[in-house]
Amino acid sequence: MRAADSTHSNPQQRTLLRVCRIGRAQGLKGEVNVRAFTDDPVRRFAPGSVLLTKDGREFTVVRSRNFKSRWIILFEGISDRNASEALNGIDLFIEKESEPTVTDDDTDEEGWYLADLVGLDVLEVNDSESARAADYDGVEVHEVGTISAVFNNTAQDLLEITTEDGKTSLIPFVEQIVPVVDVEEGYIIIDPPAGLLDL
């Protein structure tokens, strides 16, 4: 985990959402392989799309293609292998206003951003087995704290949970552990494995 990738609610700084990480060069004409972190790579990597580095450099997509679960992209101004090799390891972002994170159901409801999770109450289920059987509808829960930060990790995003006494824990933001997110009502429900909050 790299703290520089964290999403905090600081109004003085623009919020960037990571779209991809540039990998190795592809061929001799400047194309690069990228690892996508967006749910909508077709739109994000469409010709003319502009992606940003954290220091404000812009990368405009000239063309892109999907090959065997990876994306190969040519950026404007990158025309040979030497130039593309120099990009290896660079993370590219968009500003928060450009990309909401949509809810899992495929409805027309307005999406939410990872930064919107900061400040939500964290409710833990009292009985995991009955919760799974009931799809977490009406299950008994108890409050364990609030989300104090969201961190972009390579494998998955992590939620930092802070309890009333100031103790913090990190949990993976995956459906098996965080089955319910209700930004409008101001809470999430977690169903963590035993001991996860004690790490």
C-alpha atoms as a PDB file:
ATOM      1  CA  MET A   1       0.000   0.000   0.000  1.00  0.00           C
ATOM      2  CA  ARG A   2       1.233   3.456  -0.861  1.00  0.00           C
ATOM      3  CA  ALA A   3      -0.161   6.279   1.253  1.00  0.00           C
ATOM      4  CA  ALA A   4       0.216   8.648  -1.683  1.00  0.00           C
ATOM      5  CA  ASP A   5      -2.665   6.808  -3.360  1.00  0.00           C
ATOM      6  CA  SER A   6      -5.055   7.438  -0.491  1.00  0.00           C
ATOM      7  CA  THR A   7      -8.368   9.194  -0.958  1.00  0.00           C
ATOM      8  CA  HIS A   8      -9.015  11.741   1.779  1.00  0.00           C
ATOM      9  CA  SER A   9     -11.670  14.444   2.060  1.00  0.00           C
ATOM     10  CA  ASN A  10      -9.389  17.482   1.750  1.00  0.00           C
ATOM     11  CA  PRO A  11     -11.291  20.228  -0.116  1.00  0.00           C
ATOM     12  CA  GLN A  12      -8.066  22.111  -0.860  1.00  0.00           C
ATOM     13  CA  GLN A  13      -6.752  19.325  -3.105  1.00  0.00           C
ATOM     14  CA  ARG A  14      -8.308  17.893  -6.229  1.00  0.00           C
ATOM     15  CA  THR A  15      -9.221  14.244  -5.912  1.00  0.00           C
ATOM     16  CA  LEU A  16      -7.676  11.931  -8.479  1.00  0.00           C
ATOM     17  CA  LEU A  17      -8.995   8.469  -9.273  1.00  0.00           C
ATOM     18  CA  ARG A  18      -6.472   5.944 -10.550  1.00  0.00           C
ATOM     19  CA  VAL A  19      -7.348   4.546 -13.975  1.00  0.00           C
ATOM     20  CA  CYS A  20      -4.303   2.457 -14.873  1.00  0.00           C
ATOM     21  CA  ARG A  21      -0.623   1.728 -14.375  1.00  0.00           C
ATOM     22  CA  ILE A  22       1.654   1.709 -17.410  1.00  0.00           C
ATOM     23  CA  GLY A  23       3.653  -1.485 -17.827  1.00  0.00           C
ATOM     24  CA  ARG A  24       6.189  -2.730 -20.323  1.00  0.00           C
ATOM     25  CA  ALA A  25       6.605  -1.503 -23.883  1.00  0.00           C
ATOM     26  CA  GLN A  26       4.715  -3.306 -26.661  1.00  0.00           C
ATOM     27  CA  GLY A  27       6.546  -3.483 -29.979  1.00  0.00           C
ATOM     28  CA  LEU A  28       8.696  -0.755 -31.500  1.00  0.00           C
ATOM     29  CA  LYS A  29       6.213   2.035 -32.247  1.00  0.00           C
ATOM     30  CA  GLY A  30       5.580   3.419 -28.765  1.00  0.00           C
ATOM     31  CA  GLU A  31       2.672   1.287 -27.560  1.00  0.00           C
ATOM     32  CA  VAL A  32       2.556   0.232 -23.907  1.00  0.00           C
ATOM     33  CA  ASN A  33       0.754  -2.427 -21.912  1.00  0.00           C
ATOM     34  CA  VAL A  34      -1.351  -1.048 -19.079  1.00  0.00           C
ATOM     35  CA  ARG A  35      -2.986  -2.582 -16.022  1.00  0.00           C
ATOM     36  CA  ALA A  36      -6.516  -1.185 -15.795  1.00  0.00           C
ATOM     37  CA  PHE A  37      -8.075  -0.175 -12.458  1.00  0.00           C
ATOM     38  CA  THR A  38     -11.279   1.224 -13.973  1.00  0.00           C
ATOM     39  CA  ASP A  39     -14.572  -0.592 -14.510  1.00  0.00           C
ATOM     40  CA  ASP A  40     -14.996   1.184 -17.853  1.00  0.00           C
ATOM     41  CA  PRO A  41     -11.722   0.778 -19.780  1.00  0.00           C
ATOM     42  CA  VAL A  42     -13.417   1.093 -23.180  1.00  0.00           C
ATOM     43  CA  ARG A  43     -14.453   4.658 -22.373  1.00  0.00           C
ATOM     44  CA  ARG A  44     -11.324   5.597 -20.419  1.00  0.00           C
ATOM     45  CA  PHE A  45      -8.961   4.368 -23.144  1.00  0.00           C
ATOM     46  CA  ALA A  46     -10.974   5.676 -26.099  1.00  0.00           C
ATOM     47  CA  PRO A  47      -9.017   7.791 -28.625  1.00  0.00           C
ATOM     48  CA  GLY A  48      -8.827  11.388 -27.432  1.00  0.00           C
ATOM     49  CA  SER A  49      -9.172  10.538 -23.730  1.00  0.00           C
ATOM     50  CA  VAL A  50      -6.809  12.491 -21.497  1.00  0.00           C
ATOM     51  CA  LEU A  51      -5.244  10.844 -18.445  1.00  0.00           C
ATOM     52  CA  LEU A  52      -3.137  12.620 -15.834  1.00  0.00           C
ATOM     53  CA  THR A  53      -0.129  11.885 -13.682  1.00  0.00           C
ATOM     54  CA  LYS A  54      -0.145  13.100 -10.077  1.00  0.00           C
ATOM     55  CA  ASP A  55       2.232  15.904 -11.018  1.00  0.00           C
ATOM     56  CA  GLY A  56      -0.163  17.146 -13.716  1.00  0.00           C
ATOM     57  CA  ARG A  57       1.340  15.735 -16.916  1.00  0.00           C
ATOM     58  CA  GLU A  58      -1.270  14.828 -19.521  1.00  0.00           C
ATOM     59  CA  PHE A  59      -1.325  11.679 -21.648  1.00  0.00           C
ATOM     60  CA  THR A  60      -3.734  11.664 -24.585  1.00  0.00           C
ATOM     61  CA  VAL A  61      -4.821   8.303 -25.980  1.00  0.00           C
ATOM     62  CA  VAL A  62      -4.209   7.958 -29.731  1.00  0.00           C
ATOM     63  CA  ARG A  63      -5.469   4.386 -29.982  1.00  0.00           C
ATOM     64  CA  SER A  64      -6.079   1.393 -27.731  1.00  0.00           C
ATOM     65  CA  ARG A  65      -6.905  -2.282 -28.038  1.00  0.00           C
ATOM     66  CA  ASN A  66      -7.748  -5.109 -25.717  1.00  0.00           C
ATOM     67  CA  PHE A  67      -5.695  -8.290 -26.034  1.00  0.00           C
ATOM     68  CA  LYS A  68      -5.965 -11.322 -23.755  1.00  0.00           C
ATOM     69  CA  SER A  69      -7.352  -9.427 -20.742  1.00  0.00           C
ATOM     70  CA  ARG A  70      -4.822  -6.590 -21.006  1.00  0.00           C
ATOM     71  CA  TRP A  71      -4.899  -3.204 -22.706  1.00  0.00           C
ATOM     72  CA  ILE A  72      -2.340  -1.930 -25.192  1.00  0.00           C
ATOM     73  CA  ILE A  73      -2.322   1.832 -25.662  1.00  0.00           C
ATOM     74  CA  LEU A  74      -0.505   4.372 -27.823  1.00  0.00           C
ATOM     75  CA  PHE A  75      -0.211   7.821 -26.269  1.00  0.00           C
ATOM     76  CA  GLU A  76       0.294  11.029 -28.188  1.00  0.00           C
ATOM     77  CA  GLY A  77       3.958  11.991 -28.502  1.00  0.00           C
ATOM     78  CA  ILE A  78       5.244   8.484 -27.699  1.00  0.00           C
ATOM     79  CA  SER A  79       6.529   7.152 -31.010  1.00  0.00           C
ATOM     80  CA  ASP A  80       9.283   4.638 -30.292  1.00  0.00           C
ATOM     81  CA  ARG A  81      10.234   1.870 -27.894  1.00  0.00           C
ATOM     82  CA  ASN A  82      12.716   3.976 -25.911  1.00  0.00           C
ATOM     83  CA  ALA A  83      10.009   6.541 -25.121  1.00  0.00           C
ATOM     84  CA  SER A  84       7.475   3.858 -24.169  1.00  0.00           C
ATOM     85  CA  GLU A  85       9.948   2.011 -21.941  1.00  0.00           C
ATOM     86  CA  ALA A  86      10.524   5.229 -19.988  1.00  0.00           C
ATOM     87  CA  LEU A  87       6.830   5.246 -18.968  1.00  0.00           C
ATOM     88  CA  ASN A  88       6.953   1.876 -17.183  1.00  0.00           C
ATOM     89  CA  GLY A  89       5.437   2.093 -13.692  1.00  0.00           C
ATOM     90  CA  ILE A  90       3.626   5.423 -14.110  1.00  0.00           C
ATOM     91  CA  ASP A  91       0.108   5.597 -12.651  1.00  0.00           C
ATOM     92  CA  LEU A  92      -2.471   7.573 -14.635  1.00  0.00           C
ATOM     93  CA  PHE A  93      -5.563   9.223 -13.176  1.00  0.00           C
ATOM     94  CA  ILE A  94      -8.675  11.238 -13.939  1.00  0.00           C
ATOM     95  CA  GLU A  95     -10.183  13.907 -11.731  1.00  0.00           C
ATOM     96  CA  LYS A  96     -12.964  12.801  -9.410  1.00  0.00           C
ATOM     97  CA  GLU A  97     -15.666  14.707 -11.274  1.00  0.00           C
ATOM     98  CA  SER A  98     -15.021  12.624 -14.387  1.00  0.00           C
ATOM     99  CA  GLU A  99     -15.752   9.146 -13.051  1.00  0.00           C
ATOM    100  CA  PRO A 100     -18.284   7.968 -10.494  1.00  0.00           C
ATOM    101  CA  THR A 101     -17.991   4.492  -9.062  1.00  0.00           C
ATOM    102  CA  VAL A 102     -21.383   2.970  -9.821  1.00  0.00           C
ATOM    103  CA  THR A 103     -23.221   0.652  -7.520  1.00  0.00           C
ATOM    104  CA  ASP A 104     -23.217  -3.081  -8.219  1.00  0.00           C
ATOM    105  CA  ASP A 105     -26.810  -3.228  -9.386  1.00  0.00           C
ATOM    106  CA  ASP A 106     -27.165  -2.164 -12.995  1.00  0.00           C
ATOM    107  CA  THR A 107     -29.797   0.520 -12.421  1.00  0.00           C
ATOM    108  CA  ASP A 108     -29.984   4.201 -13.289  1.00  0.00           C
ATOM    109  CA  GLU A 109     -29.307   5.242  -9.714  1.00  0.00           C
ATOM    110  CA  GLU A 110     -26.624   7.864  -9.288  1.00  0.00           C
ATOM    111  CA  GLY A 111     -23.199   6.357  -8.587  1.00  0.00           C
ATOM    112  CA  TRP A 112     -20.790   7.266  -5.808  1.00  0.00           C
ATOM    113  CA  TYR A 113     -17.098   7.940  -5.523  1.00  0.00           C
ATOM    114  CA  LEU A 114     -14.618   6.157  -3.263  1.00  0.00           C
ATOM    115  CA  ALA A 115     -14.055   9.466  -1.467  1.00  0.00           C
ATOM    116  CA  ASP A 116     -17.777   9.522  -0.591  1.00  0.00           C
ATOM    117  CA  LEU A 117     -17.213   6.520   1.675  1.00  0.00           C
ATOM    118  CA  VAL A 118     -15.099   8.556   4.110  1.00  0.00           C
ATOM    119  CA  GLY A 119     -17.194   9.347   7.187  1.00  0.00           C
ATOM    120  CA  LEU A 120     -19.742   6.550   6.730  1.00  0.00           C
ATOM    121  CA  ASP A 121     -20.710   4.491   9.769  1.00  0.00           C
ATOM    122  CA  VAL A 122     -19.385   0.939   9.806  1.00  0.00           C
ATOM    123  CA  LEU A 123     -21.865  -1.705  11.003  1.00  0.00           C
ATOM    124  CA  GLU A 124     -20.728  -5.290  11.616  1.00  0.00           C
ATOM    125  CA  VAL A 125     -23.159  -8.195  11.430  1.00  0.00           C
ATOM    126  CA  ASN A 126     -23.766 -10.048  14.676  1.00  0.00           C
ATOM    127  CA  ASP A 127     -24.291 -13.458  13.080  1.00  0.00           C
ATOM    128  CA  SER A 128     -22.570 -14.109   9.750  1.00  0.00           C
ATOM    129  CA  GLU A 129     -24.426 -17.289   8.893  1.00  0.00           C
ATOM    130  CA  SER A 130     -27.895 -15.848   9.296  1.00  0.00           C
ATOM    131  CA  ALA A 131     -26.785 -12.707   7.463  1.00  0.00           C
ATOM    132  CA  ARG A 132     -25.679 -14.648   4.416  1.00  0.00           C
ATOM    133  CA  ALA A 133     -28.915 -16.622   4.389  1.00  0.00           C
ATOM    134  CA  ALA A 134     -30.976 -13.454   4.504  1.00  0.00           C
ATOM    135  CA  ASP A 135     -28.845 -11.481   2.014  1.00  0.00           C
ATOM    136  CA  TYR A 136     -28.156  -9.009   4.853  1.00  0.00           C
ATOM    137  CA  ASP A 137     -31.728  -7.688   4.742  1.00  0.00           C
ATOM    138  CA  GLY A 138     -32.861  -6.919   8.288  1.00  0.00           C
ATOM    139  CA  VAL A 139     -29.867  -8.607   9.865  1.00  0.00           C
ATOM    140  CA  GLU A 140     -28.753  -7.608  13.363  1.00  0.00           C
ATOM    141  CA  VAL A 141     -25.673  -5.376  13.390  1.00  0.00           C
ATOM    142  CA  HIS A 142     -23.579  -3.354  15.812  1.00  0.00           C
ATOM    143  CA  GLU A 143     -21.592  -0.207  15.112  1.00  0.00           C
ATOM    144  CA  VAL A 144     -17.816  -0.590  15.149  1.00  0.00           C
ATOM    145  CA  GLY A 145     -16.671   2.845  13.941  1.00  0.00           C
ATOM    146  CA  THR A 146     -16.452   5.023  10.849  1.00  0.00           C
ATOM    147  CA  ILE A 147     -14.486   4.979   7.605  1.00  0.00           C
ATOM    148  CA  SER A 148     -11.598   7.417   8.054  1.00  0.00           C
ATOM    149  CA  ALA A 149      -9.814   6.893   4.704  1.00  0.00           C
ATOM    150  CA  VAL A 150      -9.774   4.828   1.529  1.00  0.00           C
ATOM    151  CA  PHE A 151      -6.469   3.567   0.149  1.00  0.00           C
ATOM    152  CA  ASN A 152      -5.850   2.406  -3.414  1.00  0.00           C
ATOM    153  CA  ASN A 153      -3.865  -0.794  -3.148  1.00  0.00           C
ATOM    154  CA  THR A 154      -2.515  -2.817  -6.067  1.00  0.00           C
ATOM    155  CA  ALA A 155      -4.753  -5.825  -5.406  1.00  0.00           C
ATOM    156  CA  GLN A 156      -7.860  -4.007  -4.147  1.00  0.00           C
ATOM    157  CA  ASP A 157      -8.928  -0.849  -2.349  1.00  0.00           C
ATOM    158  CA  LEU A 158      -8.626  -0.825   1.439  1.00  0.00           C
ATOM    159  CA  LEU A 159     -10.965   0.854   3.924  1.00  0.00           C
ATOM    160  CA  GLU A 160      -9.481   2.344   7.076  1.00  0.00           C
ATOM    161  CA  ILE A 161     -11.914   1.989   9.978  1.00  0.00           C
ATOM    162  CA  THR A 162     -11.491   4.110  13.101  1.00  0.00           C
ATOM    163  CA  THR A 163     -13.325   3.165  16.299  1.00  0.00           C
ATOM    164  CA  GLU A 164     -14.594   5.626  18.922  1.00  0.00           C
ATOM    165  CA  ASP A 165     -11.496   4.975  21.044  1.00  0.00           C
ATOM    166  CA  GLY A 166      -9.214   5.859  18.122  1.00  0.00           C
ATOM    167  CA  LYS A 167      -8.102   2.368  17.100  1.00  0.00           C
ATOM    168  CA  THR A 168      -7.698   1.878  13.338  1.00  0.00           C
ATOM    169  CA  SER A 169      -7.985  -1.233  11.167  1.00  0.00           C
ATOM    170  CA  LEU A 170      -7.697  -1.850   7.419  1.00  0.00           C
ATOM    171  CA  ILE A 171     -10.112  -4.146   5.599  1.00  0.00           C
ATOM    172  CA  PRO A 172     -10.233  -5.065   1.898  1.00  0.00           C
ATOM    173  CA  PHE A 173     -13.049  -3.336   0.047  1.00  0.00           C
ATOM    174  CA  VAL A 174     -14.455  -6.482  -1.556  1.00  0.00           C
ATOM    175  CA  GLU A 175     -18.040  -7.723  -1.714  1.00  0.00           C
ATOM    176  CA  GLN A 176     -17.394 -10.772   0.476  1.00  0.00           C
ATOM    177  CA  ILE A 177     -16.330  -8.500   3.366  1.00  0.00           C
ATOM    178  CA  VAL A 178     -18.339  -5.353   2.565  1.00  0.00           C
ATOM    179  CA  PRO A 179     -21.616  -6.707   1.154  1.00  0.00           C
ATOM    180  CA  VAL A 180     -23.688  -3.549   1.708  1.00  0.00           C
ATOM    181  CA  VAL A 181     -22.799   0.069   0.871  1.00  0.00           C
ATOM    182  CA  ASP A 182     -25.505   2.687   1.401  1.00  0.00           C
ATOM    183  CA  VAL A 183     -24.002   6.122   0.829  1.00  0.00           C
ATOM    184  CA  GLU A 184     -27.398   7.828   0.908  1.00  0.00           C
ATOM    185  CA  GLU A 185     -28.206   6.449   4.369  1.00  0.00           C
ATOM    186  CA  GLY A 186     -24.610   6.916   5.548  1.00  0.00           C
ATOM    187  CA  TYR A 187     -23.401   3.420   6.400  1.00  0.00           C
ATOM    188  CA  ILE A 188     -21.759   0.234   5.205  1.00  0.00           C
ATOM    189  CA  ILE A 189     -22.259  -3.294   6.537  1.00  0.00           C
ATOM    190  CA  ILE A 190     -19.211  -5.490   6.968  1.00  0.00           C
ATOM    191  CA  ASP A 191     -19.030  -9.256   7.452  1.00  0.00           C
ATOM    192  CA  PRO A 192     -15.316  -9.807   8.096  1.00  0.00           C
ATOM    193  CA  PRO A 193     -13.582 -13.083   8.913  1.00  0.00           C
ATOM    194  CA  ALA A 194     -12.935 -13.578  12.613  1.00  0.00           C
ATOM    195  CA  GLY A 195     -10.022 -11.471  13.834  1.00  0.00           C
ATOM    196  CA  LEU A 196      -9.721  -9.216  10.761  1.00  0.00           C
ATOM    197  CA  LEU A 197     -10.531  -6.058  12.739  1.00  0.00           C
ATOM    198  CA  ASP A 198      -7.902  -6.981  15.325  1.00  0.00           C
ATOM    199  CA  LEU A 199      -5.006  -6.880  12.851  1.00  0.00           C
END
